[in-house]
Structure formats: C-alpha cells, structure tokens
C-alpha cells in the first residue's frame, strides 16, 4: 500500500539520519524500490540471497556450521549487512521518541508521508 511504502521510506530516511553507520557514504545505499515479487525475478533472487545470509548468521551465532548452499552463494563475495537486533531497534525507538517527544508523536513522524 502507499501508506506502507511511505512508512518504509520514512523509517529508512530516519534510520540513516539517526545512525550514520547506515548512511549512503558508509554502505553505498543508492536507492531502493518496492516491486511485486511475481513481477521481478531479480528481486526474488536478492530475497533468496538475503535469506541465506541471515540464516548463515543465525547458524554462526548458534555455533552451527553454515549451510553448504549458503556458502556456495557467498563464497568469494563481499557481503555487507546491517543487523537490526533488539538493542539497535530499541535505540532507534528511543531516538525517535527523544526527537519527537513521545512514542505517539514518533509513530506519527515515522508513518507520515514524507512528500506531503
């Protein structure tokens, strides 16, 4: 929906503003878009790789060996990831609340349409 897209756009913009380590200069975030999965095989492939990378990190944290199919996908590839664990999400929430006054006002800011 348009509201979900606007909310996601605002969250990405505020995340970059509040946490410079997520910014374009650091991680080369050039753009993003929303597409219907059934209309975009490249996005489906990206989702699959993201799933494998996330799962690989879960396995490593649990002391397990990364799956061979995951290793085949990322072997000799540079992968940059940003993990939004509970500590990072709480920090973002607290920063939003501090800058806007309270959680209710923060949610208005996060889920408002940035273009008007």
N, C-alpha and C. Protein backbone atom coordinates (compact mmCIF):
# COMPACT_ATOMS: atom_id res chain seq x y z
N UNK A 1 0.83 -1.18 0.00
CA UNK A 1 0.00 0.00 0.00
C UNK A 1 0.88 1.25 0.00
N UNK A 2 0.29 2.36 -0.40
CA UNK A 2 1.03 3.62 -0.41
C UNK A 2 1.46 4.03 1.00
N UNK A 3 0.59 3.79 1.97
CA UNK A 3 0.93 4.14 3.36
C UNK A 3 2.12 3.32 3.86
N UNK A 4 2.16 2.04 3.52
CA UNK A 4 3.28 1.18 3.94
C UNK A 4 4.57 1.65 3.27
N UNK A 5 4.49 2.00 2.00
CA UNK A 5 5.67 2.50 1.29
C UNK A 5 6.16 3.81 1.91
N UNK A 6 5.23 4.69 2.22
CA UNK A 6 5.61 5.97 2.83
C UNK A 6 6.24 5.73 4.20
N UNK A 7 5.68 4.80 4.96
CA UNK A 7 6.25 4.48 6.27
C UNK A 7 7.65 3.91 6.15
N UNK A 8 7.83 3.00 5.20
CA UNK A 8 9.16 2.40 4.99
C UNK A 8 10.16 3.46 4.56
N UNK A 9 9.75 4.35 3.68
CA UNK A 9 10.63 5.42 3.22
C UNK A 9 11.06 6.29 4.39
N UNK A 10 10.11 6.63 5.25
CA UNK A 10 10.42 7.46 6.41
C UNK A 10 11.36 6.74 7.37
N UNK A 11 11.10 5.45 7.61
CA UNK A 11 11.96 4.68 8.52
C UNK A 11 13.38 4.62 7.97
N UNK A 12 13.54 4.38 6.69
CA UNK A 12 14.88 4.31 6.10
C UNK A 12 15.58 5.66 6.24
N UNK A 13 14.88 6.73 5.90
CA UNK A 13 15.48 8.07 5.99
C UNK A 13 15.86 8.42 7.42
N UNK A 14 14.98 8.14 8.37
CA UNK A 14 15.29 8.45 9.77
C UNK A 14 16.39 7.55 10.31
N UNK A 15 16.42 6.30 9.90
CA UNK A 15 17.49 5.40 10.35
C UNK A 15 18.84 5.93 9.90
N UNK A 16 18.93 6.35 8.66
CA UNK A 16 20.19 6.90 8.14
C UNK A 16 20.56 8.17 8.89
N UNK A 17 19.56 9.01 9.15
CA UNK A 17 19.82 10.27 9.85
C UNK A 17 20.28 10.02 11.29
N UNK A 18 19.65 9.07 11.98
CA UNK A 18 19.95 8.80 13.38
C UNK A 18 21.18 7.93 13.59
N UNK A 19 21.49 7.11 12.60
CA UNK A 19 22.61 6.18 12.74
C UNK A 19 23.48 6.28 11.50
N UNK A 20 24.48 7.17 11.53
CA UNK A 20 25.31 7.39 10.33
C UNK A 20 25.99 6.14 9.79
N UNK A 21 26.14 5.10 10.62
CA UNK A 21 26.77 3.87 10.11
C UNK A 21 25.90 3.20 9.05
N UNK A 22 24.63 3.59 8.94
CA UNK A 22 23.74 3.04 7.94
C UNK A 22 23.72 3.91 6.69
N UNK A 23 24.35 5.06 6.75
CA UNK A 23 24.26 6.06 5.69
C UNK A 23 24.86 5.65 4.37
N UNK A 24 24.50 6.39 3.35
CA UNK A 24 24.92 6.09 1.98
C UNK A 24 26.44 6.09 1.84
N UNK A 25 27.13 7.00 2.53
CA UNK A 25 28.59 7.05 2.40
C UNK A 25 29.25 5.79 2.94
N UNK A 26 28.66 5.20 3.96
CA UNK A 26 29.25 4.02 4.59
C UNK A 26 28.91 2.74 3.84
N UNK A 27 27.66 2.58 3.46
CA UNK A 27 27.20 1.31 2.92
C UNK A 27 26.73 1.38 1.49
N UNK A 28 26.93 2.50 0.86
CA UNK A 28 26.61 2.66 -0.56
C UNK A 28 25.15 2.40 -0.88
N UNK A 29 24.27 2.88 0.00
CA UNK A 29 22.84 2.79 -0.28
C UNK A 29 22.52 3.82 -1.35
N UNK A 30 22.26 3.35 -2.54
CA UNK A 30 21.99 4.25 -3.65
C UNK A 30 20.51 4.47 -3.84
N UNK A 31 19.73 3.42 -3.66
CA UNK A 31 18.29 3.54 -3.84
C UNK A 31 17.62 2.27 -3.35
N UNK A 32 16.32 2.30 -3.33
CA UNK A 32 15.53 1.13 -3.04
C UNK A 32 14.19 1.30 -3.75
N UNK A 33 13.47 0.21 -3.89
CA UNK A 33 12.19 0.28 -4.57
C UNK A 33 11.28 -0.83 -4.06
N UNK A 34 10.01 -0.72 -4.34
CA UNK A 34 9.04 -1.75 -3.99
C UNK A 34 8.52 -2.33 -5.29
N UNK A 35 8.52 -3.65 -5.38
CA UNK A 35 8.01 -4.32 -6.57
C UNK A 35 7.20 -5.54 -6.14
N UNK A 36 6.30 -5.95 -7.01
CA UNK A 36 5.57 -7.19 -6.75
C UNK A 36 6.51 -8.35 -7.07
N UNK A 37 6.65 -9.27 -6.15
CA UNK A 37 7.61 -10.36 -6.32
C UNK A 37 7.36 -11.15 -7.60
N UNK A 38 6.10 -11.36 -7.91
CA UNK A 38 5.80 -12.16 -9.11
C UNK A 38 6.20 -11.45 -10.40
N UNK A 39 6.53 -10.16 -10.31
CA UNK A 39 6.93 -9.40 -11.50
C UNK A 39 8.43 -9.13 -11.56
N UNK A 40 9.17 -9.62 -10.60
CA UNK A 40 10.58 -9.28 -10.57
C UNK A 40 11.45 -10.44 -10.08
N UNK A 41 11.94 -11.21 -11.02
CA UNK A 41 12.82 -12.33 -10.66
C UNK A 41 14.11 -11.85 -10.00
N UNK A 42 14.73 -10.73 -10.43
CA UNK A 42 15.94 -10.28 -9.73
C UNK A 42 15.70 -9.99 -8.25
N UNK A 43 14.55 -9.43 -7.91
CA UNK A 43 14.25 -9.17 -6.51
C UNK A 43 14.03 -10.47 -5.75
N UNK A 44 13.44 -11.44 -6.40
CA UNK A 44 13.27 -12.74 -5.76
C UNK A 44 14.63 -13.36 -5.47
N UNK A 45 15.56 -13.20 -6.41
CA UNK A 45 16.92 -13.73 -6.20
C UNK A 45 17.59 -13.00 -5.04
N UNK A 46 17.43 -11.68 -4.98
CA UNK A 46 18.01 -10.90 -3.88
C UNK A 46 17.41 -11.32 -2.54
N UNK A 47 16.09 -11.54 -2.51
CA UNK A 47 15.45 -12.01 -1.29
C UNK A 47 16.01 -13.36 -0.86
N UNK A 48 16.23 -14.25 -1.81
CA UNK A 48 16.77 -15.57 -1.51
C UNK A 48 18.18 -15.46 -0.93
N UNK A 49 19.01 -14.62 -1.53
CA UNK A 49 20.37 -14.44 -1.02
C UNK A 49 20.33 -13.81 0.37
N UNK A 50 19.46 -12.81 0.56
CA UNK A 50 19.34 -12.18 1.89
C UNK A 50 18.90 -13.21 2.93
N UNK A 51 17.98 -14.08 2.55
CA UNK A 51 17.54 -15.12 3.47
C UNK A 51 18.72 -16.01 3.86
N UNK A 52 19.50 -16.43 2.86
CA UNK A 52 20.65 -17.30 3.13
C UNK A 52 21.67 -16.61 4.03
N UNK A 53 21.95 -15.35 3.78
CA UNK A 53 22.93 -14.62 4.60
C UNK A 53 22.42 -14.51 6.03
N UNK A 54 21.14 -14.13 6.19
CA UNK A 54 20.56 -14.03 7.53
C UNK A 54 20.60 -15.37 8.25
N UNK A 55 20.21 -16.42 7.54
CA UNK A 55 20.23 -17.75 8.13
C UNK A 55 21.66 -18.16 8.50
N UNK A 56 22.62 -17.80 7.65
CA UNK A 56 24.02 -18.10 7.95
C UNK A 56 24.47 -17.46 9.25
N UNK A 57 24.08 -16.19 9.46
CA UNK A 57 24.42 -15.52 10.72
C UNK A 57 23.74 -16.21 11.91
N UNK A 58 22.50 -16.62 11.73
CA UNK A 58 21.81 -17.34 12.80
C UNK A 58 22.56 -18.62 13.15
N UNK A 59 22.98 -19.34 12.14
CA UNK A 59 23.71 -20.59 12.37
C UNK A 59 25.02 -20.30 13.10
N UNK A 60 25.76 -19.29 12.67
CA UNK A 60 27.03 -18.96 13.32
C UNK A 60 26.82 -18.59 14.79
N UNK A 61 25.79 -17.77 15.06
CA UNK A 61 25.53 -17.38 16.45
C UNK A 61 25.15 -18.59 17.31
N UNK A 62 24.52 -19.57 16.70
CA UNK A 62 24.13 -20.78 17.43
C UNK A 62 25.25 -21.82 17.50
N UNK A 63 26.41 -21.48 16.93
CA UNK A 63 27.53 -22.41 16.94
C UNK A 63 27.43 -23.51 15.91
N UNK A 64 26.55 -23.32 14.93
CA UNK A 64 26.37 -24.32 13.88
C UNK A 64 27.19 -23.95 12.64
N UNK A 65 27.41 -24.93 11.82
CA UNK A 65 28.10 -24.74 10.55
C UNK A 65 27.14 -24.11 9.55
N UNK A 66 27.63 -23.14 8.77
CA UNK A 66 26.81 -22.51 7.75
C UNK A 66 26.50 -23.53 6.66
N UNK A 67 25.26 -23.50 6.18
CA UNK A 67 24.81 -24.46 5.17
C UNK A 67 25.70 -24.39 3.92
N UNK A 68 25.98 -25.54 3.31
CA UNK A 68 26.81 -25.55 2.09
C UNK A 68 26.22 -24.73 0.94
N UNK A 69 24.88 -24.72 0.81
CA UNK A 69 24.30 -23.93 -0.28
C UNK A 69 24.48 -22.43 -0.02
N UNK A 70 24.45 -22.03 1.25
CA UNK A 70 24.71 -20.63 1.58
C UNK A 70 26.16 -20.28 1.24
N UNK A 71 27.08 -21.15 1.64
CA UNK A 71 28.49 -20.90 1.36
C UNK A 71 28.74 -20.80 -0.14
N UNK A 72 28.07 -21.62 -0.93
CA UNK A 72 28.25 -21.58 -2.38
C UNK A 72 27.78 -20.24 -2.95
N UNK A 73 26.74 -19.67 -2.36
CA UNK A 73 26.23 -18.38 -2.85
C UNK A 73 27.14 -17.21 -2.52
N UNK A 74 27.78 -17.26 -1.34
CA UNK A 74 28.54 -16.09 -0.90
C UNK A 74 30.06 -16.26 -0.98
N UNK A 75 30.49 -17.45 -1.35
CA UNK A 75 31.93 -17.69 -1.41
C UNK A 75 32.60 -16.66 -2.33
N UNK A 76 33.67 -16.06 -1.81
CA UNK A 76 34.46 -15.07 -2.54
C UNK A 76 33.66 -13.82 -2.91
N UNK A 77 32.54 -13.57 -2.20
CA UNK A 77 31.74 -12.38 -2.43
C UNK A 77 31.83 -11.47 -1.21
N UNK A 78 31.82 -10.20 -1.44
CA UNK A 78 31.79 -9.24 -0.34
C UNK A 78 30.32 -9.02 0.03
N UNK A 79 29.97 -9.28 1.27
CA UNK A 79 28.60 -9.06 1.72
C UNK A 79 28.60 -8.03 2.83
N UNK A 80 27.77 -7.04 2.69
CA UNK A 80 27.58 -6.02 3.72
C UNK A 80 26.19 -6.21 4.31
N UNK A 81 26.12 -6.28 5.63
CA UNK A 81 24.83 -6.48 6.27
C UNK A 81 24.67 -5.49 7.41
N UNK A 82 23.43 -5.19 7.71
CA UNK A 82 23.08 -4.37 8.87
C UNK A 82 22.08 -5.19 9.66
N UNK A 83 22.44 -5.53 10.86
CA UNK A 83 21.55 -6.34 11.68
C UNK A 83 20.77 -5.44 12.62
N UNK A 84 19.46 -5.53 12.56
CA UNK A 84 18.59 -4.78 13.45
C UNK A 84 18.16 -5.70 14.58
N UNK A 85 19.07 -5.88 15.56
CA UNK A 85 18.74 -6.69 16.72
C UNK A 85 17.91 -5.85 17.69
N UNK A 86 17.48 -6.45 18.78
CA UNK A 86 16.59 -5.74 19.70
C UNK A 86 17.27 -4.51 20.30
N UNK A 87 18.56 -4.58 20.55
CA UNK A 87 19.27 -3.42 21.11
C UNK A 87 19.26 -2.26 20.13
N UNK A 88 19.54 -2.53 18.86
CA UNK A 88 19.55 -1.47 17.85
C UNK A 88 18.14 -0.92 17.62
N UNK A 89 17.15 -1.80 17.59
CA UNK A 89 15.78 -1.33 17.41
C UNK A 89 15.31 -0.47 18.58
N UNK A 90 15.68 -0.85 19.80
CA UNK A 90 15.32 -0.05 20.97
C UNK A 90 16.01 1.31 20.92
N UNK A 91 17.25 1.35 20.47
CA UNK A 91 17.96 2.62 20.35
C UNK A 91 17.27 3.52 19.32
N UNK A 92 16.88 2.95 18.19
CA UNK A 92 16.16 3.73 17.19
C UNK A 92 14.85 4.26 17.75
N UNK A 93 14.11 3.37 18.45
CA UNK A 93 12.85 3.80 19.06
C UNK A 93 13.09 4.94 20.04
N UNK A 94 14.10 4.79 20.90
CA UNK A 94 14.39 5.82 21.89
C UNK A 94 14.81 7.13 21.22
N UNK A 95 15.60 7.04 20.15
CA UNK A 95 16.00 8.25 19.42
C UNK A 95 14.79 8.93 18.79
N UNK A 96 13.89 8.13 18.19
CA UNK A 96 12.67 8.70 17.60
C UNK A 96 11.86 9.41 18.68
N UNK A 97 11.70 8.75 19.83
CA UNK A 97 10.90 9.33 20.91
C UNK A 97 11.55 10.59 21.47
N UNK A 98 12.86 10.57 21.65
CA UNK A 98 13.57 11.73 22.19
C UNK A 98 13.43 12.93 21.25
N UNK A 99 13.53 12.67 19.95
CA UNK A 99 13.46 13.77 18.99
C UNK A 99 12.03 14.28 18.77
N UNK A 100 11.04 13.43 19.04
CA UNK A 100 9.66 13.84 18.76
C UNK A 100 8.82 14.04 20.03
N UNK A 101 9.33 13.68 21.18
CA UNK A 101 8.62 13.91 22.43
C UNK A 101 8.09 12.66 23.10
N UNK A 102 7.42 11.78 22.35
CA UNK A 102 6.91 10.54 22.93
C UNK A 102 6.65 9.54 21.80
N UNK A 103 6.28 8.33 22.20
CA UNK A 103 6.10 7.27 21.21
C UNK A 103 4.96 7.58 20.23
N UNK A 104 3.90 8.19 20.72
CA UNK A 104 2.76 8.53 19.84
C UNK A 104 3.20 9.51 18.76
N UNK A 105 3.94 10.54 19.14
CA UNK A 105 4.42 11.53 18.16
C UNK A 105 5.46 10.91 17.24
N UNK A 106 6.29 10.02 17.79
CA UNK A 106 7.29 9.34 16.96
C UNK A 106 6.61 8.50 15.88
N UNK A 107 5.52 7.80 16.27
CA UNK A 107 4.82 6.98 15.28
C UNK A 107 4.18 7.84 14.19
N UNK A 108 3.71 9.02 14.55
CA UNK A 108 3.16 9.94 13.53
C UNK A 108 4.26 10.33 12.56
N UNK A 109 5.44 10.61 13.08
CA UNK A 109 6.57 11.01 12.25
C UNK A 109 7.00 9.86 11.35
N UNK A 110 7.11 8.67 11.91
CA UNK A 110 7.57 7.51 11.16
C UNK A 110 6.60 7.14 10.05
N UNK A 111 5.31 7.19 10.34
CA UNK A 111 4.32 6.71 9.37
C UNK A 111 3.60 7.82 8.63
N UNK A 112 4.20 9.00 8.59
CA UNK A 112 3.62 10.09 7.81
C UNK A 112 4.21 10.02 6.40
N UNK A 113 3.54 10.63 5.47
CA UNK A 113 4.01 10.67 4.09
C UNK A 113 5.08 11.75 3.99
N UNK A 114 6.34 11.38 3.70
CA UNK A 114 7.43 12.36 3.67
C UNK A 114 7.29 13.39 2.55
N UNK A 115 6.44 13.11 1.58
CA UNK A 115 6.30 14.03 0.46
C UNK A 115 5.11 14.97 0.64
N UNK A 116 4.45 14.90 1.75
CA UNK A 116 3.34 15.82 1.95
C UNK A 116 2.32 15.22 2.77
